[in-house]
Amino acid sequence: MGLLGQHLRIATSIILLLCLAACAIAPHTTADKQQYVLSSATDTVLAQFAPNFIVDNADEDYNRIGTAALRIRDDDLQVYVDPNQATIYAAEQQFCANNQTFTNLIYRVHFSKTPYSHLTAGKNVGLIIIVTLNQAQQPLLVTTVHSCGCYLAFIPTSNLDTAAYPPNWPVDKQEVYGELLPSSIATPDYDPARDKLVLRLRSGTHRIRDIQLRAAAQLQQQTKSVSATIKPMAALRNLEYAGQQLSFFETEGSRKGYVRHSQKPFERLFMSWWAMDWRVGEDKDLGPSEQTGVVFYTSLKFWDWEESNLWNFDNFLNYWGWKL
């Protein structure tokens, strides 16, 4: 046990040094390098509540929200993320808790890569945002997580009774793995046609560095804005190129359910042996594990993978202390 503890301390020190190094070389962000990614469609509930984004240092291709696509490389059909067109992939999920039915609006965006100056370096990385609605279609909770299951964050709205919060929930701000986010969002007269959830993304790591409500009219006035297309989540499993079709996710073998080409060498080197997962940090499909082939766990405790599975949302909320 002493040797294991020593190894854990060494690994932790290395990871911290990598994280500090990544922060130290992060470029300074100015307003002229930001890009506003806006969803202008309003014809469905998914479109109305779709998040908008402020992307830091959007002059770098890897920071821009892209579109999953196919191309031929070395005579092989390959998946990649095209940074020249922004797409938000979306789906609905119903779940029951305490004899009530809730709706999850699930949004997913992807980037071409995280650079090798960061611990989470890899290709085709992604981010998932879930807006939970009650039966009156009022937003109760915003859940964000990278599509590898890491950097999980919860932001309740004022529509959610504080009795549903985990114990000792902070009043003003919460620290989420080094980022300072609001502990809640005020939504006294929220109108999805007028008010938009806006997430600001950090350069390189695509970490969420701020979440707020902004007026849609104000966002549309931004000269650095681009329009994001909303596509069904299922589109990720049916990419097409020159009459050929391929899923964004591996569909067989040991990597079934993982995003193609999403290996994370640094996370594997420093974390896989104590996280008990050779593919730790690799981006995944989200859905029933018996169909996708992977468990979308959000806790590194291997004995809690099933309980922290994002897809089984009621169990997932209970695991993290939320009582809807």
C-alpha atoms as a PDB file:
ATOM      1  CA  MET A   1       0.000   0.000   0.000  1.00  0.00           C
ATOM      2  CA  GLY A   2       2.906   2.343   0.754  1.00  0.00           C
ATOM      3  CA  LEU A   3       4.401   1.737  -2.690  1.00  0.00           C
ATOM      4  CA  LEU A   4       1.025   2.287  -4.357  1.00  0.00           C
ATOM      5  CA  GLY A   5       0.585   5.525  -2.453  1.00  0.00           C
ATOM      6  CA  GLN A   6       4.030   6.680  -3.545  1.00  0.00           C
ATOM      7  CA  HIS A   7       3.217   5.915  -7.182  1.00  0.00           C
ATOM      8  CA  LEU A   8      -0.073   7.789  -6.902  1.00  0.00           C
ATOM      9  CA  ARG A   9       1.712  10.821  -5.470  1.00  0.00           C
ATOM     10  CA  ILE A  10       4.269  10.745  -8.282  1.00  0.00           C
ATOM     11  CA  ALA A  11       1.561  10.395 -10.949  1.00  0.00           C
ATOM     12  CA  THR A  12      -0.460  13.202  -9.382  1.00  0.00           C
ATOM     13  CA  SER A  13       2.592  15.464  -9.328  1.00  0.00           C
ATOM     14  CA  ILE A  14       3.287  14.784 -13.011  1.00  0.00           C
ATOM     15  CA  ILE A  15      -0.338  15.484 -13.951  1.00  0.00           C
ATOM     16  CA  LEU A  16      -0.326  18.735 -11.988  1.00  0.00           C
ATOM     17  CA  LEU A  17       2.894  19.814 -13.679  1.00  0.00           C
ATOM     18  CA  LEU A  18       1.376  19.102 -17.095  1.00  0.00           C
ATOM     19  CA  CYS A  19      -1.750  21.060 -16.211  1.00  0.00           C
ATOM     20  CA  LEU A  20       0.288  23.993 -14.893  1.00  0.00           C
ATOM     21  CA  ALA A  21       2.450  23.944 -17.997  1.00  0.00           C
ATOM     22  CA  ALA A  22      -0.641  23.964 -20.209  1.00  0.00           C
ATOM     23  CA  CYS A  23      -2.072  26.943 -18.323  1.00  0.00           C
ATOM     24  CA  ALA A  24       1.263  28.765 -18.451  1.00  0.00           C
ATOM     25  CA  ILE A  25       1.443  28.644 -22.249  1.00  0.00           C
ATOM     26  CA  ALA A  26      -2.255  29.352 -22.867  1.00  0.00           C
ATOM     27  CA  PRO A  27      -2.492  32.377 -25.205  1.00  0.00           C
ATOM     28  CA  HIS A  28      -4.042  35.581 -23.974  1.00  0.00           C
ATOM     29  CA  THR A  29      -7.578  35.941 -25.277  1.00  0.00           C
ATOM     30  CA  THR A  30      -8.767  39.255 -26.663  1.00  0.00           C
ATOM     31  CA  ALA A  31     -12.245  40.176 -27.870  1.00  0.00           C
ATOM     32  CA  ASP A  32     -11.156  40.235 -31.521  1.00  0.00           C
ATOM     33  CA  LYS A  33     -10.100  36.567 -31.264  1.00  0.00           C
ATOM     34  CA  GLN A  34     -13.442  35.394 -29.881  1.00  0.00           C
ATOM     35  CA  GLN A  35     -16.106  33.767 -32.008  1.00  0.00           C
ATOM     36  CA  TYR A  36     -19.816  33.642 -31.147  1.00  0.00           C
ATOM     37  CA  VAL A  37     -21.432  30.365 -32.232  1.00  0.00           C
ATOM     38  CA  LEU A  38     -25.178  30.939 -32.392  1.00  0.00           C
ATOM     39  CA  SER A  39     -28.110  28.651 -33.056  1.00  0.00           C
ATOM     40  CA  SER A  40     -30.718  30.739 -34.834  1.00  0.00           C
ATOM     41  CA  ALA A  41     -33.323  27.993 -35.393  1.00  0.00           C
ATOM     42  CA  THR A  42     -36.397  28.092 -33.130  1.00  0.00           C
ATOM     43  CA  ASP A  43     -38.772  25.609 -34.713  1.00  0.00           C
ATOM     44  CA  THR A  44     -38.374  22.830 -32.117  1.00  0.00           C
ATOM     45  CA  VAL A  45     -37.838  22.607 -28.369  1.00  0.00           C
ATOM     46  CA  LEU A  46     -34.314  21.342 -29.029  1.00  0.00           C
ATOM     47  CA  ALA A  47     -33.575  24.379 -31.171  1.00  0.00           C
ATOM     48  CA  GLN A  48     -35.164  26.858 -28.747  1.00  0.00           C
ATOM     49  CA  PHE A  49     -33.070  25.746 -25.783  1.00  0.00           C
ATOM     50  CA  ALA A  50     -29.858  25.060 -27.737  1.00  0.00           C
ATOM     51  CA  PRO A  51     -26.823  26.649 -26.084  1.00  0.00           C
ATOM     52  CA  ASN A  52     -24.763  29.372 -27.713  1.00  0.00           C
ATOM     53  CA  PHE A  53     -20.998  29.545 -27.327  1.00  0.00           C
ATOM     54  CA  ILE A  54     -18.224  32.073 -27.035  1.00  0.00           C
ATOM     55  CA  VAL A  55     -15.075  30.431 -28.360  1.00  0.00           C
ATOM     56  CA  ASP A  56     -11.745  31.826 -27.176  1.00  0.00           C
ATOM     57  CA  ASN A  57      -8.912  32.217 -29.720  1.00  0.00           C
ATOM     58  CA  ALA A  58     -11.083  31.113 -32.604  1.00  0.00           C
ATOM     59  CA  ASP A  59      -8.286  31.922 -35.055  1.00  0.00           C
ATOM     60  CA  GLU A  60      -6.918  28.482 -34.126  1.00  0.00           C
ATOM     61  CA  ASP A  61      -8.759  25.718 -36.011  1.00  0.00           C
ATOM     62  CA  TYR A  62      -8.762  23.387 -33.006  1.00  0.00           C
ATOM     63  CA  ASN A  63     -10.748  25.864 -30.898  1.00  0.00           C
ATOM     64  CA  ARG A  64     -13.666  26.164 -33.300  1.00  0.00           C
ATOM     65  CA  ILE A  65     -16.764  24.007 -32.983  1.00  0.00           C
ATOM     66  CA  GLY A  66     -16.832  21.810 -36.060  1.00  0.00           C
ATOM     67  CA  THR A  67     -18.782  19.189 -37.964  1.00  0.00           C
ATOM     68  CA  ALA A  68     -18.101  15.451 -37.977  1.00  0.00           C
ATOM     69  CA  ALA A  69     -17.157  14.431 -41.518  1.00  0.00           C
ATOM     70  CA  LEU A  70     -15.359  11.844 -43.643  1.00  0.00           C
ATOM     71  CA  ARG A  71     -12.349  12.119 -45.932  1.00  0.00           C
ATOM     72  CA  ILE A  72      -9.899   9.876 -47.752  1.00  0.00           C
ATOM     73  CA  ARG A  73      -6.409   9.750 -46.237  1.00  0.00           C
ATOM     74  CA  ASP A  74      -3.765   7.205 -47.276  1.00  0.00           C
ATOM     75  CA  ASP A  75      -6.399   5.411 -49.362  1.00  0.00           C
ATOM     76  CA  ASP A  76      -8.525   4.960 -46.235  1.00  0.00           C
ATOM     77  CA  LEU A  77     -11.870   6.480 -45.289  1.00  0.00           C
ATOM     78  CA  GLN A  78     -11.307   8.451 -42.082  1.00  0.00           C
ATOM     79  CA  VAL A  79     -13.425  10.426 -39.630  1.00  0.00           C
ATOM     80  CA  TYR A  80     -12.417  13.979 -38.739  1.00  0.00           C
ATOM     81  CA  VAL A  81     -13.967  17.209 -37.435  1.00  0.00           C
ATOM     82  CA  ASP A  82     -14.189  20.023 -39.982  1.00  0.00           C
ATOM     83  CA  PRO A  83     -13.641  23.358 -38.137  1.00  0.00           C
ATOM     84  CA  ASN A  84     -15.082  25.424 -41.000  1.00  0.00           C
ATOM     85  CA  GLN A  85     -18.726  24.619 -40.207  1.00  0.00           C
ATOM     86  CA  ALA A  86     -20.271  24.627 -36.720  1.00  0.00           C
ATOM     87  CA  THR A  87     -22.770  21.885 -35.863  1.00  0.00           C
ATOM     88  CA  ILE A  88     -24.671  21.167 -32.647  1.00  0.00           C
ATOM     89  CA  TYR A  89     -25.876  17.570 -32.451  1.00  0.00           C
ATOM     90  CA  ALA A  90     -29.051  17.206 -30.392  1.00  0.00           C
ATOM     91  CA  ALA A  91     -31.404  14.603 -28.940  1.00  0.00           C
ATOM     92  CA  GLU A  92     -34.185  14.301 -26.348  1.00  0.00           C
ATOM     93  CA  GLN A  93     -34.373  11.858 -23.458  1.00  0.00           C
ATOM     94  CA  GLN A  94     -37.211  11.342 -20.981  1.00  0.00           C
ATOM     95  CA  PHE A  95     -36.660  10.002 -17.497  1.00  0.00           C
ATOM     96  CA  CYS A  96     -38.706   9.599 -14.333  1.00  0.00           C
ATOM     97  CA  ALA A  97     -37.836  10.617 -10.785  1.00  0.00           C
ATOM     98  CA  ASN A  98     -40.096  10.841  -7.733  1.00  0.00           C
ATOM     99  CA  ASN A  99     -43.179  10.010  -9.838  1.00  0.00           C
ATOM    100  CA  GLN A 100     -42.494  12.907 -12.207  1.00  0.00           C
ATOM    101  CA  THR A 101     -41.394  12.909 -15.832  1.00  0.00           C
ATOM    102  CA  PHE A 102     -38.528  15.116 -16.929  1.00  0.00           C
ATOM    103  CA  THR A 103     -37.005  15.832 -20.331  1.00  0.00           C
ATOM    104  CA  ASN A 104     -33.308  16.047 -21.077  1.00  0.00           C
ATOM    105  CA  LEU A 105     -32.280  18.123 -24.066  1.00  0.00           C
ATOM    106  CA  ILE A 106     -28.881  16.703 -24.930  1.00  0.00           C
ATOM    107  CA  TYR A 107     -26.443  18.749 -27.036  1.00  0.00           C
ATOM    108  CA  ARG A 108     -23.064  17.616 -28.305  1.00  0.00           C
ATOM    109  CA  VAL A 109     -20.301  19.573 -30.059  1.00  0.00           C
ATOM    110  CA  HIS A 110     -16.911  18.427 -31.312  1.00  0.00           C
ATOM    111  CA  PHE A 111     -13.505  19.909 -32.081  1.00  0.00           C
ATOM    112  CA  SER A 112     -10.705  18.720 -34.353  1.00  0.00           C
ATOM    113  CA  LYS A 113      -8.303  18.192 -31.439  1.00  0.00           C
ATOM    114  CA  THR A 114      -6.858  19.243 -28.129  1.00  0.00           C
ATOM    115  CA  PRO A 115      -3.195  20.192 -28.717  1.00  0.00           C
ATOM    116  CA  TYR A 116      -0.321  18.153 -27.258  1.00  0.00           C
ATOM    117  CA  SER A 117       0.534  20.932 -24.814  1.00  0.00           C
ATOM    118  CA  HIS A 118      -2.340  19.635 -22.646  1.00  0.00           C
ATOM    119  CA  LEU A 119      -2.866  16.486 -20.597  1.00  0.00           C
ATOM    120  CA  THR A 120      -6.136  15.785 -22.470  1.00  0.00           C
ATOM    121  CA  ALA A 121      -4.474  15.949 -25.914  1.00  0.00           C
ATOM    122  CA  GLY A 122      -6.224  13.949 -28.622  1.00  0.00           C
ATOM    123  CA  LYS A 123      -8.310  14.136 -31.798  1.00  0.00           C
ATOM    124  CA  ASN A 124     -12.050  14.600 -32.384  1.00  0.00           C
ATOM    125  CA  VAL A 125     -12.698  15.682 -28.796  1.00  0.00           C
ATOM    126  CA  GLY A 126     -16.134  16.794 -27.663  1.00  0.00           C
ATOM    127  CA  LEU A 127     -18.377  18.464 -25.133  1.00  0.00           C
ATOM    128  CA  ILE A 128     -21.888  17.523 -23.952  1.00  0.00           C
ATOM    129  CA  ILE A 129     -24.463  19.923 -22.494  1.00  0.00           C
ATOM    130  CA  ILE A 130     -27.734  18.654 -21.003  1.00  0.00           C
ATOM    131  CA  VAL A 131     -30.637  20.974 -20.184  1.00  0.00           C
ATOM    132  CA  THR A 132     -33.182  19.264 -17.921  1.00  0.00           C
ATOM    133  CA  LEU A 133     -36.783  20.501 -18.224  1.00  0.00           C
ATOM    134  CA  ASN A 134     -39.784  19.898 -15.992  1.00  0.00           C
ATOM    135  CA  GLN A 135     -43.247  19.122 -17.366  1.00  0.00           C
ATOM    136  CA  ALA A 136     -43.910  22.842 -17.795  1.00  0.00           C
ATOM    137  CA  GLN A 137     -40.803  23.014 -20.021  1.00  0.00           C
ATOM    138  CA  GLN A 138     -38.938  25.116 -17.498  1.00  0.00           C
ATOM    139  CA  PRO A 139     -35.182  24.508 -17.295  1.00  0.00           C
ATOM    140  CA  LEU A 140     -34.188  23.090 -13.905  1.00  0.00           C
ATOM    141  CA  LEU A 141     -30.589  22.004 -14.295  1.00  0.00           C
ATOM    142  CA  VAL A 142     -27.717  22.373 -16.749  1.00  0.00           C
ATOM    143  CA  THR A 143     -25.207  19.514 -16.770  1.00  0.00           C
ATOM    144  CA  THR A 144     -21.951  19.781 -18.715  1.00  0.00           C
ATOM    145  CA  VAL A 145     -19.247  17.198 -19.302  1.00  0.00           C
ATOM    146  CA  HIS A 146     -16.607  16.461 -21.887  1.00  0.00           C
ATOM    147  CA  SER A 147     -17.491  13.540 -24.130  1.00  0.00           C
ATOM    148  CA  CYS A 148     -14.868  11.427 -22.363  1.00  0.00           C
ATOM    149  CA  GLY A 149     -16.854  11.755 -19.114  1.00  0.00           C
ATOM    150  CA  CYS A 150     -14.455  14.204 -17.437  1.00  0.00           C
ATOM    151  CA  TYR A 151     -14.850  17.740 -16.040  1.00  0.00           C
ATOM    152  CA  LEU A 152     -18.445  17.184 -14.960  1.00  0.00           C
ATOM    153  CA  ALA A 153     -20.311  20.298 -13.782  1.00  0.00           C
ATOM    154  CA  PHE A 154     -23.860  21.036 -12.586  1.00  0.00           C
ATOM    155  CA  ILE A 155     -25.512  24.465 -12.702  1.00  0.00           C
ATOM    156  CA  PRO A 156     -29.059  24.559 -11.278  1.00  0.00           C
ATOM    157  CA  THR A 157     -31.481  27.293 -12.265  1.00  0.00           C
ATOM    158  CA  SER A 158     -33.728  29.231  -9.907  1.00  0.00           C
ATOM    159  CA  ASN A 159     -36.615  27.002 -11.087  1.00  0.00           C
ATOM    160  CA  LEU A 160     -35.145  24.124  -9.102  1.00  0.00           C
ATOM    161  CA  ASP A 161     -36.008  23.984  -5.404  1.00  0.00           C
ATOM    162  CA  THR A 162     -32.845  24.211  -3.315  1.00  0.00           C
ATOM    163  CA  ALA A 163     -34.048  21.124  -1.433  1.00  0.00           C
ATOM    164  CA  ALA A 164     -32.968  19.174  -4.522  1.00  0.00           C
ATOM    165  CA  TYR A 165     -29.363  20.400  -4.226  1.00  0.00           C
ATOM    166  CA  PRO A 166     -26.552  18.262  -2.822  1.00  0.00           C
ATOM    167  CA  PRO A 167     -25.570  19.135   0.761  1.00  0.00           C
ATOM    168  CA  ASN A 168     -23.410  22.239   1.280  1.00  0.00           C
ATOM    169  CA  TRP A 169     -23.911  23.552  -2.244  1.00  0.00           C
ATOM    170  CA  PRO A 170     -21.948  26.837  -2.617  1.00  0.00           C
ATOM    171  CA  VAL A 171     -23.961  30.055  -2.688  1.00  0.00           C
ATOM    172  CA  ASP A 172     -22.205  32.125  -5.350  1.00  0.00           C
ATOM    173  CA  LYS A 173     -19.417  30.348  -7.239  1.00  0.00           C
ATOM    174  CA  GLN A 174     -18.253  26.773  -7.554  1.00  0.00           C
ATOM    175  CA  GLU A 175     -14.814  25.491  -8.481  1.00  0.00           C
ATOM    176  CA  VAL A 176     -14.877  22.773 -11.138  1.00  0.00           C
ATOM    177  CA  TYR A 177     -11.421  21.266 -11.618  1.00  0.00           C
ATOM    178  CA  GLY A 178      -9.764  24.679 -11.626  1.00  0.00           C
ATOM    179  CA  GLU A 179     -12.512  26.639 -13.399  1.00  0.00           C
ATOM    180  CA  LEU A 180     -14.761  29.019 -11.446  1.00  0.00           C
ATOM    181  CA  LEU A 181     -18.399  28.687 -12.548  1.00  0.00           C
ATOM    182  CA  PRO A 182     -21.647  30.126 -11.175  1.00  0.00           C
ATOM    183  CA  SER A 183     -23.376  27.989  -8.547  1.00  0.00           C
ATOM    184  CA  SER A 184     -26.767  28.719 -10.105  1.00  0.00           C
ATOM    185  CA  ILE A 185     -28.457  30.673 -12.890  1.00  0.00           C
ATOM    186  CA  ALA A 186     -31.322  33.066 -12.169  1.00  0.00           C
ATOM    187  CA  THR A 187     -34.297  32.322 -14.447  1.00  0.00           C
ATOM    188  CA  PRO A 188     -37.247  34.283 -12.974  1.00  0.00           C
ATOM    189  CA  ASP A 189     -38.997  34.876 -16.319  1.00  0.00           C
ATOM    190  CA  TYR A 190     -36.940  32.758 -18.675  1.00  0.00           C
ATOM    191  CA  ASP A 191     -38.104  32.768 -22.295  1.00  0.00           C
ATOM    192  CA  PRO A 192     -36.074  30.537 -24.658  1.00  0.00           C
ATOM    193  CA  ALA A 193     -37.009  32.753 -27.605  1.00  0.00           C
ATOM    194  CA  ARG A 194     -35.466  35.759 -25.867  1.00  0.00           C
ATOM    195  CA  ASP A 195     -32.845  34.328 -23.505  1.00  0.00           C
ATOM    196  CA  LYS A 196     -29.999  32.048 -24.528  1.00  0.00           C
ATOM    197  CA  LEU A 197     -27.684  29.913 -22.466  1.00  0.00           C
ATOM    198  CA  VAL A 198     -24.146  31.000 -23.351  1.00  0.00           C
ATOM    199  CA  LEU A 199     -21.058  28.935 -22.579  1.00  0.00           C
ATOM    200  CA  ARG A 200     -17.593  30.434 -22.896  1.00  0.00           C
ATOM    201  CA  LEU A 201     -14.934  27.904 -23.898  1.00  0.00           C
ATOM    202  CA  ARG A 202     -11.276  28.070 -22.948  1.00  0.00           C
ATOM    203  CA  SER A 203      -8.663  27.926 -25.669  1.00  0.00           C
ATOM    204  CA  GLY A 204      -6.991  24.567 -26.232  1.00  0.00           C
ATOM    205  CA  THR A 205      -8.774  22.458 -23.613  1.00  0.00           C
ATOM    206  CA  HIS A 206     -12.327  23.589 -24.525  1.00  0.00           C
ATOM    207  CA  ARG A 207     -13.081  23.757 -20.805  1.00  0.00           C
ATOM    208  CA  ILE A 208     -16.203  25.720 -19.913  1.00  0.00           C
ATOM    209  CA  ARG A 209     -14.941  28.842 -18.190  1.00  0.00           C
ATOM    210  CA  ASP A 210     -18.265  30.658 -17.775  1.00  0.00           C
ATOM    211  CA  ILE A 211     -22.009  30.059 -18.147  1.00  0.00           C
ATOM    212  CA  GLN A 212     -24.657  32.773 -18.249  1.00  0.00           C
ATOM    213  CA  LEU A 213     -27.955  33.829 -19.781  1.00  0.00           C
ATOM    214  CA  ARG A 214     -27.734  36.471 -22.495  1.00  0.00           C
ATOM    215  CA  ALA A 215     -30.339  38.205 -24.643  1.00  0.00           C
ATOM    216  CA  ALA A 216     -30.584  36.612 -28.079  1.00  0.00           C
ATOM    217  CA  ALA A 217     -30.863  40.031 -29.730  1.00  0.00           C
ATOM    218  CA  GLN A 218     -27.602  41.123 -28.121  1.00  0.00           C
ATOM    219  CA  LEU A 219     -25.805  38.006 -29.309  1.00  0.00           C
ATOM    220  CA  GLN A 220     -27.050  38.395 -32.874  1.00  0.00           C
ATOM    221  CA  GLN A 221     -25.431  41.825 -33.050  1.00  0.00           C
ATOM    222  CA  GLN A 222     -21.967  40.347 -32.626  1.00  0.00           C
ATOM    223  CA  THR A 223     -19.900  40.796 -35.777  1.00  0.00           C
ATOM    224  CA  LYS A 224     -17.799  37.729 -34.951  1.00  0.00           C
ATOM    225  CA  SER A 225     -20.798  35.392 -34.916  1.00  0.00           C
ATOM    226  CA  VAL A 226     -21.328  32.245 -36.977  1.00  0.00           C
ATOM    227  CA  SER A 227     -24.508  30.218 -37.331  1.00  0.00           C
ATOM    228  CA  ALA A 228     -24.509  26.655 -36.049  1.00  0.00           C
ATOM    229  CA  THR A 229     -26.550  23.958 -37.759  1.00  0.00           C
ATOM    230  CA  ILE A 230     -28.566  21.689 -35.463  1.00  0.00           C
ATOM    231  CA  LYS A 231     -28.522  18.040 -36.508  1.00  0.00           C
ATOM    232  CA  PRO A 232     -29.994  14.954 -34.843  1.00  0.00           C
ATOM    233  CA  MET A 233     -27.550  13.070 -32.632  1.00  0.00           C
ATOM    234  CA  ALA A 234     -28.148  10.028 -34.839  1.00  0.00           C
ATOM    235  CA  ALA A 235     -26.373  11.844 -37.684  1.00  0.00           C
ATOM    236  CA  LEU A 236     -23.076  11.080 -35.951  1.00  0.00           C
ATOM    237  CA  ARG A 237     -23.657   7.380 -36.615  1.00  0.00           C
ATOM    238  CA  ASN A 238     -24.393   7.879 -40.316  1.00  0.00           C
ATOM    239  CA  LEU A 239     -21.680  10.041 -41.878  1.00  0.00           C
ATOM    240  CA  GLU A 240     -21.534   9.905 -45.680  1.00  0.00           C
ATOM    241  CA  TYR A 241     -18.839  10.546 -48.262  1.00  0.00           C
ATOM    242  CA  ALA A 242     -18.904   9.705 -51.984  1.00  0.00           C
ATOM    243  CA  GLY A 243     -21.559   7.065 -51.526  1.00  0.00           C
ATOM    244  CA  GLN A 244     -19.827   5.508 -48.522  1.00  0.00           C
ATOM    245  CA  GLN A 245     -21.116   5.553 -44.947  1.00  0.00           C
ATOM    246  CA  LEU A 246     -19.300   5.342 -41.620  1.00  0.00           C
ATOM    247  CA  SER A 247     -20.129   6.025 -37.976  1.00  0.00           C
ATOM    248  CA  PHE A 248     -18.278   8.673 -35.980  1.00  0.00           C
ATOM    249  CA  PHE A 249     -17.903   5.905 -33.375  1.00  0.00           C
ATOM    250  CA  GLU A 250     -16.192   2.547 -33.629  1.00  0.00           C
ATOM    251  CA  THR A 251     -18.846  -0.125 -34.198  1.00  0.00           C
ATOM    252  CA  GLU A 252     -16.883  -3.292 -33.445  1.00  0.00           C
ATOM    253  CA  GLY A 253     -13.790  -4.587 -31.711  1.00  0.00           C
ATOM    254  CA  SER A 254     -12.217  -3.458 -28.444  1.00  0.00           C
ATOM    255  CA  ARG A 255     -12.916   0.228 -29.186  1.00  0.00           C
ATOM    256  CA  LYS A 256     -16.623  -0.215 -29.934  1.00  0.00           C
ATOM    257  CA  GLY A 257     -18.495   2.905 -28.798  1.00  0.00           C
ATOM    258  CA  TYR A 258     -15.453   5.184 -28.762  1.00  0.00           C
ATOM    259  CA  VAL A 259     -14.994   8.140 -31.104  1.00  0.00           C
ATOM    260  CA  ARG A 260     -12.699   7.129 -33.941  1.00  0.00           C
ATOM    261  CA  HIS A 261      -9.083   8.356 -33.577  1.00  0.00           C
ATOM    262  CA  SER A 262      -9.784   9.715 -30.070  1.00  0.00           C
ATOM    263  CA  GLN A 263      -6.880   8.056 -28.253  1.00  0.00           C
ATOM    264  CA  LYS A 264      -5.441  10.107 -25.372  1.00  0.00           C
ATOM    265  CA  PRO A 265      -1.745   9.158 -24.977  1.00  0.00           C
ATOM    266  CA  PHE A 266      -0.958  11.317 -21.925  1.00  0.00           C
ATOM    267  CA  GLU A 267      -4.045  10.258 -19.996  1.00  0.00           C
ATOM    268  CA  ARG A 268      -3.326   6.621 -20.798  1.00  0.00           C
ATOM    269  CA  LEU A 269       0.273   6.991 -19.621  1.00  0.00           C
ATOM    270  CA  PHE A 270      -0.428   8.795 -16.367  1.00  0.00           C
ATOM    271  CA  MET A 271      -3.941   7.709 -15.405  1.00  0.00           C
ATOM    272  CA  SER A 272      -4.987   4.374 -16.940  1.00  0.00           C
ATOM    273  CA  TRP A 273      -3.148   2.168 -14.445  1.00  0.00           C
ATOM    274  CA  TRP A 274      -4.792   3.643 -11.339  1.00  0.00           C
ATOM    275  CA  ALA A 275      -8.139   4.444 -13.011  1.00  0.00           C
ATOM    276  CA  MET A 276      -8.300   0.783 -14.118  1.00  0.00           C
ATOM    277  CA  ASP A 277      -9.238   1.837 -17.649  1.00  0.00           C
ATOM    278  CA  TRP A 278      -6.803   1.475 -20.566  1.00  0.00           C
ATOM    279  CA  ARG A 279      -8.975   3.887 -22.575  1.00  0.00           C
ATOM    280  CA  VAL A 280      -9.391   6.529 -19.890  1.00  0.00           C
ATOM    281  CA  GLY A 281     -10.056   9.943 -21.380  1.00  0.00           C
ATOM    282  CA  GLU A 282     -11.128   8.670 -24.794  1.00  0.00           C
ATOM    283  CA  ASP A 283     -14.317  10.246 -26.124  1.00  0.00           C
ATOM    284  CA  LYS A 284     -17.427   8.056 -26.236  1.00  0.00           C
ATOM    285  CA  ASP A 285     -20.871   7.558 -27.637  1.00  0.00           C
ATOM    286  CA  LEU A 286     -23.745   8.315 -25.251  1.00  0.00           C
ATOM    287  CA  GLY A 287     -26.618   5.869 -25.003  1.00  0.00           C
ATOM    288  CA  PRO A 288     -27.590   2.478 -23.553  1.00  0.00           C
ATOM    289  CA  SER A 289     -24.342   0.627 -22.923  1.00  0.00           C
ATOM    290  CA  GLU A 290     -25.764  -2.612 -24.343  1.00  0.00           C
ATOM    291  CA  GLN A 291     -26.086  -0.767 -27.670  1.00  0.00           C
ATOM    292  CA  THR A 292     -23.087   1.568 -27.658  1.00  0.00           C
ATOM    293  CA  GLY A 293     -20.644  -0.899 -26.117  1.00  0.00           C
ATOM    294  CA  VAL A 294     -19.359   1.600 -23.519  1.00  0.00           C
ATOM    295  CA  VAL A 295     -20.418   2.858 -20.108  1.00  0.00           C
ATOM    296  CA  PHE A 296     -20.402   6.662 -20.021  1.00  0.00           C
ATOM    297  CA  TYR A 297     -19.063   6.852 -16.476  1.00  0.00           C
ATOM    298  CA  THR A 298     -18.382  10.209 -14.811  1.00  0.00           C
ATOM    299  CA  SER A 299     -16.494   8.960 -11.761  1.00  0.00           C
ATOM    300  CA  LEU A 300     -12.968   7.553 -11.949  1.00  0.00           C
ATOM    301  CA  LYS A 301     -13.817   5.135  -9.124  1.00  0.00           C
ATOM    302  CA  PHE A 302     -14.104   1.954 -11.175  1.00  0.00           C
ATOM    303  CA  TRP A 303     -16.536   0.407  -8.673  1.00  0.00           C
ATOM    304  CA  ASP A 304     -18.923   3.335  -9.322  1.00  0.00           C
ATOM    305  CA  TRP A 305     -18.855   3.356 -13.116  1.00  0.00           C
ATOM    306  CA  GLU A 306     -22.385   2.031 -13.480  1.00  0.00           C
ATOM    307  CA  GLU A 307     -23.846   4.293 -10.776  1.00  0.00           C
ATOM    308  CA  SER A 308     -22.246   7.378 -12.348  1.00  0.00           C
ATOM    309  CA  ASN A 309     -23.337   6.489 -15.897  1.00  0.00           C
ATOM    310  CA  LEU A 310     -24.632   9.688 -17.514  1.00  0.00           C
ATOM    311  CA  TRP A 311     -27.164   7.850 -19.670  1.00  0.00           C
ATOM    312  CA  ASN A 312     -29.065   6.425 -16.664  1.00  0.00           C
ATOM    313  CA  PHE A 313     -29.811   9.962 -15.632  1.00  0.00           C
ATOM    314  CA  ASP A 314     -31.920   9.420 -12.504  1.00  0.00           C
ATOM    315  CA  ASN A 315     -29.301   7.089 -10.983  1.00  0.00           C
ATOM    316  CA  PHE A 316     -26.596   9.458 -12.168  1.00  0.00           C
ATOM    317  CA  LEU A 317     -28.218  12.410 -10.369  1.00  0.00           C
ATOM    318  CA  ASN A 318     -28.682  10.382  -7.190  1.00  0.00           C
ATOM    319  CA  TYR A 319     -25.055   9.333  -7.283  1.00  0.00           C
ATOM    320  CA  TRP A 320     -23.916  12.964  -7.394  1.00  0.00           C
ATOM    321  CA  GLY A 321     -26.364  14.048  -4.667  1.00  0.00           C
ATOM    322  CA  TRP A 322     -29.174  15.639  -6.701  1.00  0.00           C
ATOM    323  CA  LYS A 323     -32.808  14.888  -5.782  1.00  0.00           C
ATOM    324  CA  LEU A 324     -35.201  16.036  -8.500  1.00  0.00           C
END
